[in-house]
Amino acid sequence: MTHCSTRGLLDLLAERGPTEVTSLAAALEAHPVTVTKQCCELQSDGHVRQIAGGVYTITDTGEAYLVTLTE
């Protein structure tokens, strides 16, 4: 399993739109708990929003933040 990077997670959400944690985890090759934790951190910063149980979407703030990230 790999680390769930902020850029990787935001890239997926920007590309796919609202996505379940399990799908994000599979795409990132990360554990769902790791992805959930990362989503919670990003939500507190206003970069993602939980729209249903286990489904997250990127916010406008998150999209603006994404363009500033490099990896």
PDB file of N, CA and C in Angstrom:
ATOM      1  N   MET A   1       0.835  -1.197   0.000  1.00  0.00           N
ATOM      2  CA  MET A   1       0.000   0.000   0.000  1.00  0.00           C
ATOM      3  C   MET A   1       0.866   1.242   0.000  1.00  0.00           C
ATOM      4  N   THR A   2       0.366   2.277  -0.624  1.00  0.00           N
ATOM      5  CA  THR A   2       1.122   3.520  -0.708  1.00  0.00           C
ATOM      6  C   THR A   2       0.495   4.573   0.189  1.00  0.00           C
ATOM      7  N   HIS A   3       1.211   5.647   0.348  1.00  0.00           N
ATOM      8  CA  HIS A   3       0.717   6.779   1.131  1.00  0.00           C
ATOM      9  C   HIS A   3      -0.364   7.511   0.333  1.00  0.00           C
ATOM     10  N   CYS A   4      -1.360   7.951   1.027  1.00  0.00           N
ATOM     11  CA  CYS A   4      -2.458   8.698   0.396  1.00  0.00           C
ATOM     12  C   CYS A   4      -2.067  10.179   0.377  1.00  0.00           C
ATOM     13  N   SER A   5      -1.541  10.644  -0.740  1.00  0.00           N
ATOM     14  CA  SER A   5      -1.091  12.029  -0.818  1.00  0.00           C
ATOM     15  C   SER A   5      -2.272  12.978  -1.037  1.00  0.00           C
ATOM     16  N   THR A   6      -2.093  14.174  -0.554  1.00  0.00           N
ATOM     17  CA  THR A   6      -3.108  15.213  -0.731  1.00  0.00           C
ATOM     18  C   THR A   6      -3.343  15.462  -2.210  1.00  0.00           C
ATOM     19  N   ARG A   7      -2.256  15.596  -2.958  1.00  0.00           N
ATOM     20  CA  ARG A   7      -2.392  15.864  -4.393  1.00  0.00           C
ATOM     21  C   ARG A   7      -3.110  14.717  -5.115  1.00  0.00           C
ATOM     22  N   GLY A   8      -2.718  13.486  -4.811  1.00  0.00           N
ATOM     23  CA  GLY A   8      -3.347  12.335  -5.443  1.00  0.00           C
ATOM     24  C   GLY A   8      -4.838  12.268  -5.158  1.00  0.00           C
ATOM     25  N   LEU A   9      -5.188  12.517  -3.920  1.00  0.00           N
ATOM     26  CA  LEU A   9      -6.596  12.476  -3.516  1.00  0.00           C
ATOM     27  C   LEU A   9      -7.393  13.592  -4.180  1.00  0.00           C
ATOM     28  N   LEU A  10      -6.873  14.809  -4.151  1.00  0.00           N
ATOM     29  CA  LEU A  10      -7.580  15.925  -4.774  1.00  0.00           C
ATOM     30  C   LEU A  10      -7.656  15.767  -6.296  1.00  0.00           C
ATOM     31  N   ASP A  11      -6.589  15.236  -6.903  1.00  0.00           N
ATOM     32  CA  ASP A  11      -6.614  14.969  -8.349  1.00  0.00           C
ATOM     33  C   ASP A  11      -7.756  14.023  -8.708  1.00  0.00           C
ATOM     34  N   LEU A  12      -7.886  12.943  -7.947  1.00  0.00           N
ATOM     35  CA  LEU A  12      -8.957  11.978  -8.216  1.00  0.00           C
ATOM     36  C   LEU A  12     -10.332  12.603  -8.068  1.00  0.00           C
ATOM     37  N   LEU A  13     -10.520  13.369  -7.009  1.00  0.00           N
ATOM     38  CA  LEU A  13     -11.826  13.995  -6.792  1.00  0.00           C
ATOM     39  C   LEU A  13     -12.129  15.027  -7.880  1.00  0.00           C
ATOM     40  N   ALA A  14     -11.116  15.746  -8.325  1.00  0.00           N
ATOM     41  CA  ALA A  14     -11.318  16.731  -9.400  1.00  0.00           C
ATOM     42  C   ALA A  14     -11.689  16.021 -10.697  1.00  0.00           C
ATOM     43  N   GLU A  15     -11.073  14.875 -10.925  1.00  0.00           N
ATOM     44  CA  GLU A  15     -11.304  14.123 -12.164  1.00  0.00           C
ATOM     45  C   GLU A  15     -12.646  13.382 -12.142  1.00  0.00           C
ATOM     46  N   ARG A  16     -12.950  12.760 -11.017  1.00  0.00           N
ATOM     47  CA  ARG A  16     -14.118  11.872 -10.941  1.00  0.00           C
ATOM     48  C   ARG A  16     -15.385  12.518 -10.398  1.00  0.00           C
ATOM     49  N   GLY A  17     -15.239  13.622  -9.685  1.00  0.00           N
ATOM     50  CA  GLY A  17     -16.407  14.177  -9.008  1.00  0.00           C
ATOM     51  C   GLY A  17     -16.649  13.408  -7.718  1.00  0.00           C
ATOM     52  N   PRO A  18     -17.852  13.479  -7.165  1.00  0.00           N
ATOM     53  CA  PRO A  18     -18.135  12.796  -5.906  1.00  0.00           C
ATOM     54  C   PRO A  18     -17.789  11.305  -5.994  1.00  0.00           C
ATOM     55  N   THR A  19     -16.991  10.850  -5.029  1.00  0.00           N
ATOM     56  CA  THR A  19     -16.485   9.477  -5.069  1.00  0.00           C
ATOM     57  C   THR A  19     -16.483   8.878  -3.670  1.00  0.00           C
ATOM     58  N   GLU A  20     -16.809   7.583  -3.597  1.00  0.00           N
ATOM     59  CA  GLU A  20     -16.794   6.868  -2.322  1.00  0.00           C
ATOM     60  C   GLU A  20     -15.357   6.602  -1.882  1.00  0.00           C
ATOM     61  N   VAL A  21     -15.172   6.575  -0.574  1.00  0.00           N
ATOM     62  CA  VAL A  21     -13.853   6.325   0.011  1.00  0.00           C
ATOM     63  C   VAL A  21     -13.264   5.013  -0.501  1.00  0.00           C
ATOM     64  N   THR A  22     -14.077   3.975  -0.620  1.00  0.00           N
ATOM     65  CA  THR A  22     -13.545   2.683  -1.068  1.00  0.00           C
ATOM     66  C   THR A  22     -12.986   2.764  -2.489  1.00  0.00           C
ATOM     67  N   SER A  23     -13.627   3.518  -3.354  1.00  0.00           N
ATOM     68  CA  SER A  23     -13.120   3.697  -4.721  1.00  0.00           C
ATOM     69  C   SER A  23     -11.842   4.525  -4.720  1.00  0.00           C
ATOM     70  N   LEU A  24     -11.807   5.557  -3.885  1.00  0.00           N
ATOM     71  CA  LEU A  24     -10.593   6.366  -3.777  1.00  0.00           C
ATOM     72  C   LEU A  24      -9.436   5.522  -3.266  1.00  0.00           C
ATOM     73  N   ALA A  25      -9.709   4.716  -2.245  1.00  0.00           N
ATOM     74  CA  ALA A  25      -8.675   3.863  -1.654  1.00  0.00           C
ATOM     75  C   ALA A  25      -8.126   2.877  -2.685  1.00  0.00           C
ATOM     76  N   ALA A  26      -9.008   2.284  -3.469  1.00  0.00           N
ATOM     77  CA  ALA A  26      -8.567   1.334  -4.492  1.00  0.00           C
ATOM     78  C   ALA A  26      -7.683   2.027  -5.523  1.00  0.00           C
ATOM     79  N   ALA A  27      -8.090   3.201  -5.966  1.00  0.00           N
ATOM     80  CA  ALA A  27      -7.325   3.941  -6.981  1.00  0.00           C
ATOM     81  C   ALA A  27      -5.964   4.394  -6.449  1.00  0.00           C
ATOM     82  N   LEU A  28      -5.920   4.734  -5.162  1.00  0.00           N
ATOM     83  CA  LEU A  28      -4.679   5.221  -4.555  1.00  0.00           C
ATOM     84  C   LEU A  28      -3.838   4.101  -3.957  1.00  0.00           C
ATOM     85  N   GLU A  29      -4.372   2.874  -4.007  1.00  0.00           N
ATOM     86  CA  GLU A  29      -3.723   1.728  -3.380  1.00  0.00           C
ATOM     87  C   GLU A  29      -3.425   2.012  -1.911  1.00  0.00           C
ATOM     88  N   ALA A  30      -4.420   2.546  -1.234  1.00  0.00           N
ATOM     89  CA  ALA A  30      -4.310   2.886   0.183  1.00  0.00           C
ATOM     90  C   ALA A  30      -5.464   2.236   0.935  1.00  0.00           C
ATOM     91  N   HIS A  31      -5.328   2.145   2.235  1.00  0.00           N
ATOM     92  CA  HIS A  31      -6.393   1.577   3.067  1.00  0.00           C
ATOM     93  C   HIS A  31      -7.521   2.603   3.192  1.00  0.00           C
ATOM     94  N   PRO A  32      -8.772   2.154   3.177  1.00  0.00           N
ATOM     95  CA  PRO A  32      -9.897   3.087   3.309  1.00  0.00           C
ATOM     96  C   PRO A  32      -9.835   3.965   4.560  1.00  0.00           C
ATOM     97  N   VAL A  33      -9.295   3.436   5.653  1.00  0.00           N
ATOM     98  CA  VAL A  33      -9.170   4.238   6.881  1.00  0.00           C
ATOM     99  C   VAL A  33      -8.197   5.396   6.656  1.00  0.00           C
ATOM    100  N   THR A  34      -7.122   5.132   5.928  1.00  0.00           N
ATOM    101  CA  THR A  34      -6.141   6.178   5.610  1.00  0.00           C
ATOM    102  C   THR A  34      -6.788   7.273   4.754  1.00  0.00           C
ATOM    103  N   VAL A  35      -7.573   6.850   3.777  1.00  0.00           N
ATOM    104  CA  VAL A  35      -8.239   7.806   2.890  1.00  0.00           C
ATOM    105  C   VAL A  35      -9.280   8.613   3.668  1.00  0.00           C
ATOM    106  N   THR A  36     -10.022   7.957   4.529  1.00  0.00           N
ATOM    107  CA  THR A  36     -11.022   8.656   5.344  1.00  0.00           C
ATOM    108  C   THR A  36     -10.357   9.706   6.219  1.00  0.00           C
ATOM    109  N   LYS A  37      -9.245   9.346   6.836  1.00  0.00           N
ATOM    110  CA  LYS A  37      -8.512  10.297   7.688  1.00  0.00           C
ATOM    111  C   LYS A  37      -8.045  11.501   6.872  1.00  0.00           C
ATOM    112  N   GLN A  38      -7.498  11.234   5.692  1.00  0.00           N
ATOM    113  CA  GLN A  38      -7.024  12.320   4.821  1.00  0.00           C
ATOM    114  C   GLN A  38      -8.195  13.205   4.390  1.00  0.00           C
ATOM    115  N   CYS A  39      -9.322  12.586   4.058  1.00  0.00           N
ATOM    116  CA  CYS A  39     -10.509  13.363   3.664  1.00  0.00           C
ATOM    117  C   CYS A  39     -10.990  14.246   4.817  1.00  0.00           C
ATOM    118  N   CYS A  40     -10.961  13.720   6.026  1.00  0.00           N
ATOM    119  CA  CYS A  40     -11.386  14.506   7.197  1.00  0.00           C
ATOM    120  C   CYS A  40     -10.480  15.720   7.397  1.00  0.00           C
ATOM    121  N   GLU A  41      -9.169  15.504   7.225  1.00  0.00           N
ATOM    122  CA  GLU A  41      -8.222  16.619   7.350  1.00  0.00           C
ATOM    123  C   GLU A  41      -8.466  17.662   6.262  1.00  0.00           C
ATOM    124  N   LEU A  42      -8.678  17.190   5.034  1.00  0.00           N
ATOM    125  CA  LEU A  42      -8.934  18.111   3.929  1.00  0.00           C
ATOM    126  C   LEU A  42     -10.271  18.826   4.105  1.00  0.00           C
ATOM    127  N   GLN A  43     -11.233  18.149   4.718  1.00  0.00           N
ATOM    128  CA  GLN A  43     -12.528  18.777   4.966  1.00  0.00           C
ATOM    129  C   GLN A  43     -12.386  19.895   5.999  1.00  0.00           C
ATOM    130  N   SER A  44     -11.565  19.664   7.043  1.00  0.00           N
ATOM    131  CA  SER A  44     -11.385  20.743   8.025  1.00  0.00           C
ATOM    132  C   SER A  44     -10.710  21.962   7.440  1.00  0.00           C
ATOM    133  N   ASP A  45      -9.923  21.751   6.378  1.00  0.00           N
ATOM    134  CA  ASP A  45      -9.276  22.875   5.694  1.00  0.00           C
ATOM    135  C   ASP A  45     -10.159  23.478   4.603  1.00  0.00           C
ATOM    136  N   GLY A  46     -11.335  22.870   4.362  1.00  0.00           N
ATOM    137  CA  GLY A  46     -12.261  23.397   3.369  1.00  0.00           C
ATOM    138  C   GLY A  46     -11.991  22.941   1.947  1.00  0.00           C
ATOM    139  N   HIS A  47     -11.109  21.943   1.772  1.00  0.00           N
ATOM    140  CA  HIS A  47     -10.737  21.501   0.427  1.00  0.00           C
ATOM    141  C   HIS A  47     -11.652  20.417  -0.134  1.00  0.00           C
ATOM    142  N   VAL A  48     -12.284  19.646   0.730  1.00  0.00           N
ATOM    143  CA  VAL A  48     -13.262  18.654   0.291  1.00  0.00           C
ATOM    144  C   VAL A  48     -14.497  18.774   1.178  1.00  0.00           C
ATOM    145  N   ARG A  49     -15.565  18.159   0.706  1.00  0.00           N
ATOM    146  CA  ARG A  49     -16.823  18.175   1.462  1.00  0.00           C
ATOM    147  C   ARG A  49     -17.425  16.783   1.389  1.00  0.00           C
ATOM    148  N   GLN A  50     -17.910  16.309   2.535  1.00  0.00           N
ATOM    149  CA  GLN A  50     -18.599  15.022   2.556  1.00  0.00           C
ATOM    150  C   GLN A  50     -20.049  15.278   2.172  1.00  0.00           C
ATOM    151  N   ILE A  51     -20.507  14.596   1.108  1.00  0.00           N
ATOM    152  CA  ILE A  51     -21.873  14.852   0.641  1.00  0.00           C
ATOM    153  C   ILE A  51     -22.826  13.725   1.004  1.00  0.00           C
ATOM    154  N   ALA A  52     -22.269  12.596   1.426  1.00  0.00           N
ATOM    155  CA  ALA A  52     -23.069  11.462   1.904  1.00  0.00           C
ATOM    156  C   ALA A  52     -22.122  10.586   2.704  1.00  0.00           C
ATOM    157  N   GLY A  53     -22.660   9.570   3.351  1.00  0.00           N
ATOM    158  CA  GLY A  53     -21.800   8.679   4.124  1.00  0.00           C
ATOM    159  C   GLY A  53     -20.700   8.079   3.269  1.00  0.00           C
ATOM    160  N   GLY A  54     -19.474   8.498   3.499  1.00  0.00           N
ATOM    161  CA  GLY A  54     -18.343   7.935   2.766  1.00  0.00           C
ATOM    162  C   GLY A  54     -18.148   8.450   1.352  1.00  0.00           C
ATOM    163  N   VAL A  55     -18.888   9.479   0.955  1.00  0.00           N
ATOM    164  CA  VAL A  55     -18.737  10.061  -0.383  1.00  0.00           C
ATOM    165  C   VAL A  55     -18.248  11.500  -0.221  1.00  0.00           C
ATOM    166  N   TYR A  56     -17.130  11.798  -0.890  1.00  0.00           N
ATOM    167  CA  TYR A  56     -16.533  13.136  -0.802  1.00  0.00           C
ATOM    168  C   TYR A  56     -16.451  13.770  -2.184  1.00  0.00           C
ATOM    169  N   THR A  57     -16.423  15.096  -2.174  1.00  0.00           N
ATOM    170  CA  THR A  57     -16.252  15.853  -3.405  1.00  0.00           C
ATOM    171  C   THR A  57     -15.278  17.001  -3.129  1.00  0.00           C
ATOM    172  N   ILE A  58     -14.590  17.447  -4.155  1.00  0.00           N
ATOM    173  CA  ILE A  58     -13.663  18.565  -4.003  1.00  0.00           C
ATOM    174  C   ILE A  58     -14.461  19.873  -4.024  1.00  0.00           C
ATOM    175  N   THR A  59     -14.004  20.844  -3.266  1.00  0.00           N
ATOM    176  CA  THR A  59     -14.655  22.158  -3.236  1.00  0.00           C
ATOM    177  C   THR A  59     -13.913  23.114  -4.174  1.00  0.00           C
ATOM    178  N   ASP A  60     -14.476  24.289  -4.380  1.00  0.00           N
ATOM    179  CA  ASP A  60     -13.789  25.314  -5.177  1.00  0.00           C
ATOM    180  C   ASP A  60     -12.450  25.672  -4.527  1.00  0.00           C
ATOM    181  N   THR A  61     -12.443  25.748  -3.203  1.00  0.00           N
ATOM    182  CA  THR A  61     -11.209  26.032  -2.468  1.00  0.00           C
ATOM    183  C   THR A  61     -10.191  24.923  -2.713  1.00  0.00           C
ATOM    184  N   GLY A  62     -10.668  23.676  -2.719  1.00  0.00           N
ATOM    185  CA  GLY A  62      -9.788  22.535  -2.974  1.00  0.00           C
ATOM    186  C   GLY A  62      -9.209  22.562  -4.376  1.00  0.00           C
ATOM    187  N   GLU A  63     -10.010  22.962  -5.351  1.00  0.00           N
ATOM    188  CA  GLU A  63      -9.526  23.054  -6.732  1.00  0.00           C
ATOM    189  C   GLU A  63      -8.459  24.143  -6.850  1.00  0.00           C
ATOM    190  N   ALA A  64      -8.661  25.266  -6.162  1.00  0.00           N
ATOM    191  CA  ALA A  64      -7.672  26.339  -6.185  1.00  0.00           C
ATOM    192  C   ALA A  64      -6.384  25.882  -5.485  1.00  0.00           C
ATOM    193  N   TYR A  65      -6.521  25.155  -4.396  1.00  0.00           N
ATOM    194  CA  TYR A  65      -5.369  24.637  -3.664  1.00  0.00           C
ATOM    195  C   TYR A  65      -4.608  23.607  -4.497  1.00  0.00           C
ATOM    196  N   LEU A  66      -5.325  22.779  -5.232  1.00  0.00           N
ATOM    197  CA  LEU A  66      -4.719  21.733  -6.041  1.00  0.00           C
ATOM    198  C   LEU A  66      -3.720  22.297  -7.042  1.00  0.00           C
ATOM    199  N   VAL A  67      -4.027  23.412  -7.653  1.00  0.00           N
ATOM    200  CA  VAL A  67      -3.102  23.975  -8.655  1.00  0.00           C
ATOM    201  C   VAL A  67      -1.812  24.499  -8.023  1.00  0.00           C
ATOM    202  N   THR A  68      -1.810  24.681  -6.704  1.00  0.00           N
ATOM    203  CA  THR A  68      -0.590  25.156  -6.035  1.00  0.00           C
ATOM    204  C   THR A  68       0.314  24.000  -5.603  1.00  0.00           C
ATOM    205  N   LEU A  69      -0.205  22.767  -5.642  1.00  0.00           N
ATOM    206  CA  LEU A  69       0.560  21.612  -5.168  1.00  0.00           C
ATOM    207  C   LEU A  69       1.469  21.064  -6.252  1.00  0.00           C
ATOM    208  N   THR A  70       2.635  20.627  -5.842  1.00  0.00           N
ATOM    209  CA  THR A  70       3.561  19.946  -6.750  1.00  0.00           C
ATOM    210  C   THR A  70       3.995  18.650  -6.090  1.00  0.00           C
ATOM    211  N   GLU A  71       4.306  17.669  -6.913  1.00  0.00           N
ATOM    212  CA  GLU A  71       4.775  16.382  -6.382  1.00  0.00           C
ATOM    213  C   GLU A  71       5.785  15.783  -7.281  1.00  0.00           C
TER     214      GLU A  71
END
